[in-house]
Protein backbone atom coordinates (compact mmCIF):
# COMPACT_ATOMS: atom_id res chain seq x y z
CA MET A 1 -4.76 -10.64 15.68
CA ASP A 2 -5.91 -10.05 12.37
CA PRO A 3 -3.50 -9.87 10.46
CA LEU A 4 -5.74 -8.32 7.50
CA GLU A 5 -6.24 -4.60 8.07
CA SER A 6 -7.59 -1.76 5.86
CA ALA A 7 -6.39 1.90 5.07
CA HIS A 8 -6.22 4.12 3.04
CA ILE A 9 -3.81 6.21 0.44
CA ASP A 10 -3.72 8.29 -2.26
CA CYS A 11 -2.74 7.43 -5.71
CA PRO A 12 0.91 9.45 -6.91
CA TYR A 13 -0.87 9.85 -10.10
CA CYS A 14 -4.52 11.03 -9.49
CA GLY A 15 -4.46 11.93 -6.30
CA GLU A 16 -7.61 9.56 -5.85
CA SER A 17 -8.09 8.25 -1.87
CA LEU A 18 -8.24 4.52 -1.82
CA GLU A 19 -8.82 1.94 0.51
CA ILE A 20 -6.40 -1.03 0.80
CA THR A 21 -5.93 -4.26 2.60
CA VAL A 22 -2.38 -5.16 4.01
CA ASP A 23 -1.37 -8.33 5.22
CA SER A 24 1.22 -7.43 8.28
CA SER A 25 1.94 -11.52 8.96
CA VAL A 26 3.94 -11.31 5.69
CA GLY A 27 6.30 -8.86 7.06
CA GLN A 28 8.35 -6.05 4.91
CA HIS A 29 7.45 -6.36 1.01
CA GLU A 30 6.96 -4.21 -2.35
CA TYR A 31 4.51 -5.09 -4.69
CA VAL A 32 2.70 -3.08 -7.52
CA GLU A 33 -0.98 -2.87 -8.29
CA ASP A 34 -2.75 -0.56 -10.39
CA CYS A 35 -5.01 2.14 -9.60
CA GLN A 36 -8.67 1.42 -9.42
CA VAL A 37 -9.27 5.15 -10.94
CA CYS A 38 -6.61 5.72 -13.08
CA CYS A 39 -5.11 2.23 -13.96
CA LYS A 40 -1.72 3.36 -13.81
CA PRO A 41 1.00 1.37 -11.72
CA ILE A 42 1.46 1.99 -8.62
CA GLN A 43 4.43 0.72 -6.45
CA PHE A 44 3.56 -0.19 -2.78
CA ARG A 45 6.36 -0.87 0.23
CA ILE A 46 4.67 -2.15 3.14
CA ARG A 47 6.85 -2.71 6.44
CA VAL A 48 5.94 -4.20 9.80
CA SER A 49 6.99 -3.15 12.88
CA ALA A 50 8.13 -5.38 15.79
CA GLU A 51 4.34 -4.86 17.07
CA GLY A 52 3.14 -5.34 14.52
CA THR A 53 1.98 -1.70 13.10
CA SER A 54 2.29 -1.12 9.51
CA SER A 55 3.68 1.81 7.38
CA ILE A 56 2.68 1.87 3.67
CA ASP A 57 4.92 3.88 1.28
CA VAL A 58 3.33 4.54 -2.35
CA ARG A 59 5.16 5.96 -5.26
CA SER A 60 4.38 5.79 -8.79
CA GLU A 61 7.27 4.90 -11.20
CA ASP A 62 8.90 7.71 -12.38
CA ASP A 63 9.68 7.98 -8.43
């Protein structure tokens, strides 16, 4: 099973749809990455279930 998977998220600032790659082998983690369109920092929270399914929560710095 490949731990890397593609996902689409919407930027919490500009609303643009972005494709990201999630590494489910890391388990639960958080990181900040700038939007590829508006360059504002997006906070990512990745959770991985016991079955290996990822869920992604994105937030602006103000949330």
